[in-house]
Every structure is written in C-alpha cells, then in structure tokens.
Amino acid sequence: MRKRTISTVISPGALETSVEWLRLDQIALVEVTSEEASRPVENALLDSVEAGWRAALPGEQTIRLVFDTPRPLRRIYLRFLEREAERSQEFVLRWSPDDGRTFHEIVRQQWNFSPHDSAEEVEDYHVELSALTQLEVKITPDRSGGPAHATLTQLRLA
C-alpha cells in the first residue's frame, strides 16, 4: 500500500500565486453594508493589501459583488482572521445568474474563533458557475447576538 500524509492546514502565505485571480476592481462594483474608514472593503479584495475589511457596525453584514458582465467562476477563496475576541461566526455565500433577482446558496459555514487556538479560518471552494452576475457574502459575526464586528481578510475569485 502506497500512502502519504497530507496537510489540511493552509498557511496565510499559501494562496497560490499561479492562479490567475480576477481583478475585481476592474470587472465589478462592490456593495457593502458598512465599513470602517481605516479598513475599507477594497482591502479584502485587492491583491496588494493585507489589512482586510472590518464593518463599522456590529451585527450581520453583507458584501456583494455586482459584475459588469456575466462570467464563469471556478474558485472562491476566503480568509477570516480574528485575534481579538472569542466568537462563533457564520457566513453564507450566495450567487445570482440573473442580476440579483434570484440567489442560490453555495455554502453556509460556521466557525468558532478563539484568539489563542483558532484565530484564522480559510475556505477554498472549487465551483462551476457558468454565468455569475452577482456574488454575495453575508456574515453574522457572533451567532449569540453579541456586539462583534464582521471582518474579512481576503476574498479572491478565479
């Protein structure tokens, strides 16, 4: 029997450089429910910035990408980082083929952040979406209803 151990942990720097990530600033409009002035949403969407996005208000937040033209999508990469507070987060990733008239859920994911044990969540989804017109991420930063602010460190699409 041939076998080998593989790692399921993706380090922060492990985002593949050989993948041609979409230049979201050139092909889509971004809508966001709120953002801190020092950590705007483009921080999470552009390759050159590592600071990420943080909501200005506590509670559920939405980031929506509205594409200029329908496009295929094969990969969605998200990275969340929480080093300050222990909390249980949920996010829902949805897509629309018809300019937002209908949305289809891709995934609903929960994660428990603990600054000392699990401060980072990385999700890398391989999808087959042929005519994406909108992509939406809804984040509930604290499922218990606490005053947490949503964050997103990176969102990359290919």
N, C-alpha and C. Protein backbone atom coordinates (compact mmCIF):
# COMPACT_ATOMS: atom_id res chain seq x y z
N MET A 1 0.85 -1.18 0.00
CA MET A 1 0.00 0.00 0.00
C MET A 1 0.89 1.23 0.00
N ARG A 2 0.68 2.09 -0.99
CA ARG A 2 1.40 3.36 -1.02
C ARG A 2 0.55 4.41 -0.35
N LYS A 3 1.15 5.23 0.49
CA LYS A 3 0.40 6.30 1.14
C LYS A 3 1.34 7.40 1.57
N ARG A 4 0.74 8.55 1.85
CA ARG A 4 1.49 9.69 2.40
C ARG A 4 0.54 10.54 3.20
N THR A 5 1.05 11.26 4.15
CA THR A 5 0.26 12.16 4.98
C THR A 5 0.21 13.51 4.30
N ILE A 6 -0.98 14.07 4.23
CA ILE A 6 -1.12 15.40 3.64
C ILE A 6 -1.58 16.38 4.71
N SER A 7 -1.24 17.62 4.52
CA SER A 7 -1.62 18.65 5.47
C SER A 7 -2.95 19.25 5.07
N THR A 8 -3.83 19.45 6.04
CA THR A 8 -5.10 20.13 5.78
C THR A 8 -5.04 21.59 6.19
N VAL A 9 -3.91 22.02 6.71
CA VAL A 9 -3.76 23.40 7.16
C VAL A 9 -3.17 24.22 6.02
N ILE A 10 -3.78 25.34 5.74
CA ILE A 10 -3.29 26.26 4.72
C ILE A 10 -2.72 27.47 5.44
N SER A 11 -1.46 27.72 5.24
CA SER A 11 -0.85 28.87 5.89
C SER A 11 -1.28 30.14 5.19
N PRO A 12 -1.22 31.29 5.89
CA PRO A 12 -1.67 32.55 5.29
C PRO A 12 -0.98 32.88 3.98
N GLY A 13 0.26 32.49 3.83
CA GLY A 13 1.00 32.78 2.62
C GLY A 13 0.82 31.74 1.53
N ALA A 14 -0.05 30.74 1.76
CA ALA A 14 -0.18 29.63 0.83
C ALA A 14 -1.15 29.89 -0.30
N LEU A 15 -1.68 31.06 -0.41
CA LEU A 15 -2.57 31.39 -1.52
C LEU A 15 -1.75 31.29 -2.80
N GLU A 16 -2.18 30.41 -3.70
CA GLU A 16 -1.40 30.11 -4.89
C GLU A 16 -1.17 31.35 -5.74
N THR A 17 0.07 31.56 -6.11
CA THR A 17 0.39 32.69 -6.97
C THR A 17 0.21 32.33 -8.44
N SER A 18 0.15 31.02 -8.77
CA SER A 18 0.00 30.61 -10.16
C SER A 18 -1.45 30.75 -10.65
N VAL A 19 -2.38 30.90 -9.74
CA VAL A 19 -3.78 31.09 -10.13
C VAL A 19 -3.97 32.51 -10.62
N GLU A 20 -4.70 32.66 -11.71
CA GLU A 20 -4.99 34.00 -12.21
C GLU A 20 -6.26 34.50 -11.54
N TRP A 21 -6.10 35.17 -10.40
CA TRP A 21 -7.23 35.71 -9.66
C TRP A 21 -7.82 36.87 -10.44
N LEU A 22 -9.12 37.00 -10.39
CA LEU A 22 -9.81 38.07 -11.10
C LEU A 22 -9.46 39.43 -10.50
N ARG A 23 -9.32 40.43 -11.35
CA ARG A 23 -9.08 41.80 -10.91
C ARG A 23 -10.44 42.43 -10.63
N LEU A 24 -10.93 42.24 -9.43
CA LEU A 24 -12.29 42.65 -9.08
C LEU A 24 -12.51 44.15 -9.23
N ASP A 25 -11.47 44.94 -9.01
CA ASP A 25 -11.61 46.39 -9.13
C ASP A 25 -11.87 46.82 -10.58
N GLN A 26 -11.59 45.95 -11.55
CA GLN A 26 -11.78 46.29 -12.95
C GLN A 26 -13.05 45.69 -13.56
N ILE A 27 -13.66 44.70 -12.88
CA ILE A 27 -14.77 43.99 -13.51
C ILE A 27 -16.06 43.97 -12.68
N ALA A 28 -16.02 44.58 -11.50
CA ALA A 28 -17.22 44.51 -10.65
C ALA A 28 -17.36 45.76 -9.78
N LEU A 29 -18.60 46.03 -9.42
CA LEU A 29 -18.95 47.04 -8.43
C LEU A 29 -19.11 46.30 -7.11
N VAL A 30 -18.64 46.87 -6.02
CA VAL A 30 -18.82 46.23 -4.71
C VAL A 30 -19.81 47.04 -3.89
N GLU A 31 -20.75 46.33 -3.27
CA GLU A 31 -21.72 46.94 -2.34
C GLU A 31 -21.43 46.37 -0.96
N VAL A 32 -21.50 47.22 0.05
CA VAL A 32 -21.19 46.79 1.40
C VAL A 32 -22.12 47.52 2.37
N THR A 33 -22.56 46.82 3.41
CA THR A 33 -23.48 47.44 4.36
C THR A 33 -22.79 48.46 5.25
N SER A 34 -21.53 48.23 5.60
CA SER A 34 -20.77 49.23 6.37
C SER A 34 -19.29 48.88 6.30
N GLU A 35 -18.44 49.87 6.60
CA GLU A 35 -17.00 49.63 6.63
C GLU A 35 -16.33 50.69 7.49
N GLU A 36 -15.32 50.26 8.21
CA GLU A 36 -14.50 51.23 8.96
C GLU A 36 -13.65 52.00 7.96
N ALA A 37 -13.46 53.27 8.22
CA ALA A 37 -12.68 54.11 7.31
C ALA A 37 -11.25 53.59 7.15
N SER A 38 -10.68 53.05 8.21
CA SER A 38 -9.30 52.56 8.16
C SER A 38 -9.18 51.15 7.58
N ARG A 39 -10.32 50.45 7.40
CA ARG A 39 -10.30 49.10 6.84
C ARG A 39 -11.46 48.91 5.87
N PRO A 40 -11.41 49.63 4.73
CA PRO A 40 -12.49 49.55 3.74
C PRO A 40 -12.50 48.20 3.02
N VAL A 41 -13.59 47.91 2.35
CA VAL A 41 -13.80 46.61 1.72
C VAL A 41 -12.74 46.29 0.67
N GLU A 42 -12.24 47.30 -0.03
CA GLU A 42 -11.22 47.02 -1.05
C GLU A 42 -9.96 46.38 -0.46
N ASN A 43 -9.71 46.58 0.84
CA ASN A 43 -8.57 45.92 1.48
C ASN A 43 -8.67 44.40 1.40
N ALA A 44 -9.87 43.87 1.40
CA ALA A 44 -10.05 42.42 1.32
C ALA A 44 -10.08 41.92 -0.12
N LEU A 45 -10.29 42.81 -1.08
CA LEU A 45 -10.49 42.40 -2.47
C LEU A 45 -9.27 42.57 -3.37
N LEU A 46 -8.35 43.42 -2.98
CA LEU A 46 -7.19 43.71 -3.82
C LEU A 46 -5.97 42.93 -3.36
N ASP A 47 -5.19 42.45 -4.32
CA ASP A 47 -4.01 41.64 -4.00
C ASP A 47 -2.96 42.38 -3.20
N SER A 48 -2.85 43.66 -3.39
CA SER A 48 -1.75 44.42 -2.80
C SER A 48 -1.98 44.81 -1.34
N VAL A 49 -3.15 44.50 -0.79
CA VAL A 49 -3.47 44.94 0.57
C VAL A 49 -3.71 43.73 1.46
N GLU A 50 -3.15 43.73 2.67
CA GLU A 50 -3.32 42.61 3.59
C GLU A 50 -4.16 42.95 4.81
N ALA A 51 -4.55 44.21 4.99
CA ALA A 51 -5.24 44.63 6.21
C ALA A 51 -6.64 44.06 6.34
N GLY A 52 -7.31 43.81 5.22
CA GLY A 52 -8.66 43.28 5.27
C GLY A 52 -9.72 44.33 5.55
N TRP A 53 -10.97 43.87 5.52
CA TRP A 53 -12.15 44.72 5.75
C TRP A 53 -12.68 44.49 7.15
N ARG A 54 -13.25 45.54 7.73
CA ARG A 54 -13.94 45.44 9.01
C ARG A 54 -15.17 46.33 8.95
N ALA A 55 -16.29 45.77 9.38
CA ALA A 55 -17.54 46.53 9.41
C ALA A 55 -17.48 47.64 10.44
N ALA A 56 -18.13 48.75 10.15
CA ALA A 56 -18.19 49.86 11.10
C ALA A 56 -19.23 49.60 12.18
N LEU A 57 -20.21 48.76 11.85
CA LEU A 57 -21.31 48.47 12.77
C LEU A 57 -21.29 47.01 13.19
N PRO A 58 -21.75 46.70 14.39
CA PRO A 58 -21.85 45.29 14.80
C PRO A 58 -23.04 44.63 14.10
N GLY A 59 -23.07 43.31 14.15
CA GLY A 59 -24.20 42.57 13.60
C GLY A 59 -23.95 42.09 12.17
N GLU A 60 -25.00 41.51 11.59
CA GLU A 60 -24.89 40.92 10.25
C GLU A 60 -24.51 41.97 9.22
N GLN A 61 -23.62 41.58 8.32
CA GLN A 61 -23.13 42.47 7.27
C GLN A 61 -23.15 41.73 5.93
N THR A 62 -23.23 42.49 4.85
CA THR A 62 -23.24 41.92 3.51
C THR A 62 -22.19 42.60 2.64
N ILE A 63 -21.47 41.78 1.91
CA ILE A 63 -20.59 42.25 0.84
C ILE A 63 -21.12 41.62 -0.43
N ARG A 64 -21.42 42.46 -1.42
CA ARG A 64 -21.97 41.94 -2.68
C ARG A 64 -21.13 42.47 -3.84
N LEU A 65 -20.72 41.57 -4.72
CA LEU A 65 -20.02 41.93 -5.93
C LEU A 65 -21.01 41.86 -7.09
N VAL A 66 -21.14 42.98 -7.82
CA VAL A 66 -22.04 43.07 -8.97
C VAL A 66 -21.14 43.18 -10.21
N PHE A 67 -21.13 42.12 -11.00
CA PHE A 67 -20.22 42.06 -12.15
C PHE A 67 -20.77 42.84 -13.34
N ASP A 68 -19.86 43.46 -14.08
CA ASP A 68 -20.23 44.26 -15.24
C ASP A 68 -20.89 43.41 -16.32
N THR A 69 -20.40 42.20 -16.51
CA THR A 69 -20.95 41.25 -17.48
C THR A 69 -20.97 39.87 -16.83
N PRO A 70 -21.90 39.00 -17.23
CA PRO A 70 -21.90 37.63 -16.68
C PRO A 70 -20.58 36.93 -16.97
N ARG A 71 -20.13 36.14 -16.01
CA ARG A 71 -18.84 35.48 -16.18
C ARG A 71 -18.83 34.13 -15.50
N PRO A 72 -17.98 33.24 -15.98
CA PRO A 72 -17.83 31.95 -15.30
C PRO A 72 -16.97 32.11 -14.05
N LEU A 73 -17.20 31.25 -13.09
CA LEU A 73 -16.40 31.28 -11.86
C LEU A 73 -16.07 29.84 -11.49
N ARG A 74 -14.79 29.60 -11.17
CA ARG A 74 -14.33 28.25 -10.84
C ARG A 74 -13.82 28.11 -9.41
N ARG A 75 -13.47 29.25 -8.79
CA ARG A 75 -12.86 29.15 -7.47
C ARG A 75 -13.18 30.36 -6.62
N ILE A 76 -13.44 30.11 -5.33
CA ILE A 76 -13.72 31.18 -4.36
C ILE A 76 -12.85 30.92 -3.15
N TYR A 77 -12.02 31.88 -2.80
CA TYR A 77 -11.11 31.76 -1.67
C TYR A 77 -11.45 32.85 -0.65
N LEU A 78 -11.71 32.46 0.60
CA LEU A 78 -12.00 33.42 1.67
C LEU A 78 -11.06 33.16 2.84
N ARG A 79 -10.64 34.23 3.47
CA ARG A 79 -9.80 34.14 4.66
C ARG A 79 -10.32 35.13 5.69
N PHE A 80 -10.60 34.61 6.89
CA PHE A 80 -11.06 35.42 8.02
C PHE A 80 -10.00 35.32 9.11
N LEU A 81 -9.79 36.41 9.81
CA LEU A 81 -8.81 36.44 10.89
C LEU A 81 -9.41 37.20 12.07
N GLU A 82 -9.38 36.58 13.25
CA GLU A 82 -9.91 37.22 14.46
C GLU A 82 -8.94 36.96 15.60
N ARG A 83 -8.18 38.00 15.96
CA ARG A 83 -7.18 37.86 17.02
C ARG A 83 -7.60 38.53 18.33
N GLU A 84 -8.81 39.15 18.33
CA GLU A 84 -9.20 39.94 19.50
C GLU A 84 -10.22 39.26 20.40
N ALA A 85 -11.24 38.64 19.83
CA ALA A 85 -12.36 38.16 20.64
C ALA A 85 -12.71 36.72 20.30
N GLU A 86 -13.20 36.01 21.30
CA GLU A 86 -13.73 34.67 21.08
C GLU A 86 -15.18 34.83 20.62
N ARG A 87 -15.50 34.19 19.49
CA ARG A 87 -16.86 34.32 18.96
C ARG A 87 -17.14 33.18 17.99
N SER A 88 -18.41 32.95 17.75
CA SER A 88 -18.85 31.93 16.80
C SER A 88 -19.49 32.65 15.62
N GLN A 89 -18.88 32.55 14.46
CA GLN A 89 -19.30 33.27 13.26
C GLN A 89 -20.00 32.32 12.29
N GLU A 90 -20.89 32.89 11.50
CA GLU A 90 -21.48 32.16 10.38
C GLU A 90 -21.43 33.06 9.15
N PHE A 91 -21.08 32.46 8.01
CA PHE A 91 -21.21 33.21 6.77
C PHE A 91 -21.95 32.36 5.76
N VAL A 92 -22.64 33.06 4.86
CA VAL A 92 -23.38 32.42 3.78
C VAL A 92 -22.86 33.02 2.48
N LEU A 93 -22.49 32.15 1.55
CA LEU A 93 -22.01 32.55 0.24
C LEU A 93 -23.09 32.20 -0.77
N ARG A 94 -23.55 33.21 -1.53
CA ARG A 94 -24.63 33.00 -2.50
C ARG A 94 -24.25 33.63 -3.83
N TRP A 95 -24.85 33.12 -4.91
CA TRP A 95 -24.59 33.69 -6.23
C TRP A 95 -25.90 33.86 -7.00
N SER A 96 -25.85 34.79 -7.95
CA SER A 96 -27.02 35.06 -8.78
C SER A 96 -26.61 35.01 -10.25
N PRO A 97 -27.42 34.34 -11.08
CA PRO A 97 -27.19 34.34 -12.52
C PRO A 97 -28.02 35.39 -13.26
N ASP A 98 -28.89 36.11 -12.51
CA ASP A 98 -29.88 37.00 -13.16
C ASP A 98 -29.93 38.38 -12.52
N ASP A 99 -28.79 38.96 -12.29
CA ASP A 99 -28.68 40.33 -11.77
C ASP A 99 -29.37 40.52 -10.42
N GLY A 100 -29.35 39.50 -9.58
CA GLY A 100 -29.87 39.62 -8.22
C GLY A 100 -31.34 39.34 -8.05
N ARG A 101 -32.04 38.93 -9.09
CA ARG A 101 -33.45 38.59 -8.93
C ARG A 101 -33.60 37.31 -8.11
N THR A 102 -32.71 36.34 -8.32
CA THR A 102 -32.70 35.12 -7.51
C THR A 102 -31.26 34.84 -7.08
N PHE A 103 -31.13 34.23 -5.91
CA PHE A 103 -29.82 33.84 -5.40
C PHE A 103 -29.84 32.35 -5.06
N HIS A 104 -28.70 31.70 -5.28
CA HIS A 104 -28.53 30.29 -4.97
C HIS A 104 -27.40 30.15 -3.95
N GLU A 105 -27.68 29.43 -2.88
CA GLU A 105 -26.68 29.27 -1.83
C GLU A 105 -25.58 28.31 -2.28
N ILE A 106 -24.35 28.73 -2.09
CA ILE A 106 -23.19 27.89 -2.38
C ILE A 106 -22.80 27.13 -1.12
N VAL A 107 -22.69 27.87 -0.02
CA VAL A 107 -22.28 27.25 1.24
C VAL A 107 -22.73 28.13 2.41
N ARG A 108 -22.99 27.46 3.54
CA ARG A 108 -23.27 28.13 4.81
C ARG A 108 -22.27 27.51 5.78
N GLN A 109 -21.41 28.32 6.34
CA GLN A 109 -20.29 27.81 7.15
C GLN A 109 -20.24 28.50 8.50
N GLN A 110 -20.01 27.72 9.54
CA GLN A 110 -19.82 28.28 10.88
C GLN A 110 -18.39 28.01 11.34
N TRP A 111 -17.89 28.92 12.17
CA TRP A 111 -16.52 28.79 12.66
C TRP A 111 -16.45 29.41 14.05
N ASN A 112 -15.75 28.75 14.95
CA ASN A 112 -15.53 29.27 16.30
C ASN A 112 -14.13 29.85 16.38
N PHE A 113 -14.07 31.16 16.56
CA PHE A 113 -12.78 31.83 16.71
C PHE A 113 -12.37 31.84 18.18
N SER A 114 -11.11 31.57 18.40
CA SER A 114 -10.51 31.68 19.72
C SER A 114 -9.12 32.25 19.49
N PRO A 115 -8.85 33.47 19.93
CA PRO A 115 -7.59 34.14 19.61
C PRO A 115 -6.34 33.33 19.94
N HIS A 116 -6.43 32.43 20.91
CA HIS A 116 -5.24 31.66 21.30
C HIS A 116 -5.16 30.32 20.58
N ASP A 117 -6.28 29.81 20.07
CA ASP A 117 -6.29 28.48 19.48
C ASP A 117 -6.63 28.46 17.99
N SER A 118 -7.67 29.15 17.59
CA SER A 118 -8.10 29.13 16.19
C SER A 118 -8.53 30.53 15.76
N ALA A 119 -7.54 31.35 15.44
CA ALA A 119 -7.80 32.74 15.09
C ALA A 119 -8.01 32.95 13.60
N GLU A 120 -7.81 31.89 12.80
CA GLU A 120 -7.90 32.05 11.35
C GLU A 120 -8.79 30.97 10.74
N GLU A 121 -9.66 31.40 9.82
CA GLU A 121 -10.49 30.49 9.04
C GLU A 121 -10.17 30.72 7.57
N VAL A 122 -9.82 29.65 6.86
CA VAL A 122 -9.53 29.72 5.44
C VAL A 122 -10.47 28.75 4.73
N GLU A 123 -11.17 29.24 3.71
CA GLU A 123 -12.08 28.42 2.92
C GLU A 123 -11.70 28.58 1.45
N ASP A 124 -11.59 27.47 0.76
CA ASP A 124 -11.19 27.45 -0.65
C ASP A 124 -12.16 26.53 -1.39
N TYR A 125 -13.10 27.13 -2.11
CA TYR A 125 -14.16 26.37 -2.77
C TYR A 125 -13.92 26.30 -4.27
N HIS A 126 -14.04 25.10 -4.82
CA HIS A 126 -13.99 24.90 -6.26
C HIS A 126 -15.44 24.76 -6.74
N VAL A 127 -15.84 25.64 -7.63
CA VAL A 127 -17.23 25.71 -8.08
C VAL A 127 -17.26 25.67 -9.61
N GLU A 128 -18.45 25.46 -10.15
CA GLU A 128 -18.69 25.51 -11.59
C GLU A 128 -19.90 26.41 -11.84
N LEU A 129 -19.66 27.71 -11.83
CA LEU A 129 -20.74 28.68 -12.07
C LEU A 129 -20.50 29.27 -13.46
N SER A 130 -21.48 29.09 -14.35
CA SER A 130 -21.24 29.45 -15.75
C SER A 130 -21.54 30.91 -16.07
N ALA A 131 -22.53 31.51 -15.43
CA ALA A 131 -22.93 32.89 -15.78
C ALA A 131 -23.22 33.69 -14.53
N LEU A 132 -22.21 33.90 -13.74
CA LEU A 132 -22.34 34.65 -12.49
C LEU A 132 -22.52 36.13 -12.79
N THR A 133 -23.55 36.74 -12.18
CA THR A 133 -23.72 38.19 -12.31
C THR A 133 -23.52 38.89 -10.97
N GLN A 134 -23.78 38.17 -9.85
CA GLN A 134 -23.56 38.73 -8.51
C GLN A 134 -23.08 37.62 -7.58
N LEU A 135 -22.22 38.00 -6.65
CA LEU A 135 -21.76 37.10 -5.60
C LEU A 135 -21.93 37.84 -4.28
N GLU A 136 -22.49 37.16 -3.30
CA GLU A 136 -22.81 37.81 -2.03
C GLU A 136 -22.25 36.99 -0.87
N VAL A 137 -21.64 37.69 0.08
CA VAL A 137 -21.19 37.08 1.33
C VAL A 137 -21.94 37.78 2.46
N LYS A 138 -22.74 37.01 3.18
CA LYS A 138 -23.44 37.54 4.37
C LYS A 138 -22.71 36.98 5.59
N ILE A 139 -22.29 37.86 6.48
CA ILE A 139 -21.52 37.45 7.66
C ILE A 139 -22.29 37.81 8.92
N THR A 140 -22.53 36.81 9.75
CA THR A 140 -23.05 37.02 11.10
C THR A 140 -21.85 36.83 12.02
N PRO A 141 -21.27 37.91 12.53
CA PRO A 141 -20.00 37.80 13.24
C PRO A 141 -20.09 37.11 14.60
N ASP A 142 -21.26 37.15 15.22
CA ASP A 142 -21.43 36.48 16.52
C ASP A 142 -22.82 35.86 16.56
N ARG A 143 -22.87 34.55 16.44
CA ARG A 143 -24.15 33.85 16.37
C ARG A 143 -24.96 33.99 17.65
N SER A 144 -24.32 34.36 18.76
CA SER A 144 -25.04 34.55 20.02
C SER A 144 -25.68 35.93 20.11
N GLY A 145 -25.46 36.77 19.09
CA GLY A 145 -26.07 38.10 19.08
C GLY A 145 -25.25 39.17 19.77
N GLY A 146 -24.00 38.87 20.10
CA GLY A 146 -23.14 39.85 20.75
C GLY A 146 -22.76 40.99 19.81
N PRO A 147 -22.03 41.98 20.34
CA PRO A 147 -21.72 43.19 19.58
C PRO A 147 -20.49 43.09 18.67
N ALA A 148 -20.16 41.91 18.17
CA ALA A 148 -18.97 41.74 17.34
C ALA A 148 -19.12 42.43 15.99
N HIS A 149 -17.99 42.84 15.44
CA HIS A 149 -17.92 43.44 14.12
C HIS A 149 -17.42 42.40 13.13
N ALA A 150 -18.08 42.30 11.99
CA ALA A 150 -17.66 41.36 10.95
C ALA A 150 -16.33 41.81 10.35
N THR A 151 -15.53 40.82 9.97
CA THR A 151 -14.26 41.08 9.29
C THR A 151 -14.10 40.09 8.14
N LEU A 152 -13.32 40.46 7.16
CA LEU A 152 -12.94 39.57 6.07
C LEU A 152 -11.54 40.01 5.64
N THR A 153 -10.58 39.11 5.77
CA THR A 153 -9.21 39.44 5.45
C THR A 153 -8.93 39.38 3.95
N GLN A 154 -9.44 38.32 3.29
CA GLN A 154 -9.23 38.18 1.85
C GLN A 154 -10.44 37.52 1.19
N LEU A 155 -10.74 37.98 0.00
CA LEU A 155 -11.70 37.33 -0.89
C LEU A 155 -11.08 37.36 -2.27
N ARG A 156 -10.82 36.16 -2.84
CA ARG A 156 -10.23 36.05 -4.16
C ARG A 156 -11.10 35.14 -5.01
N LEU A 157 -11.23 35.46 -6.28
CA LEU A 157 -12.05 34.68 -7.20
C LEU A 157 -11.25 34.35 -8.46
N ALA A 158 -11.52 33.17 -9.00
CA ALA A 158 -10.86 32.77 -10.26
C ALA A 158 -11.89 32.02 -11.11
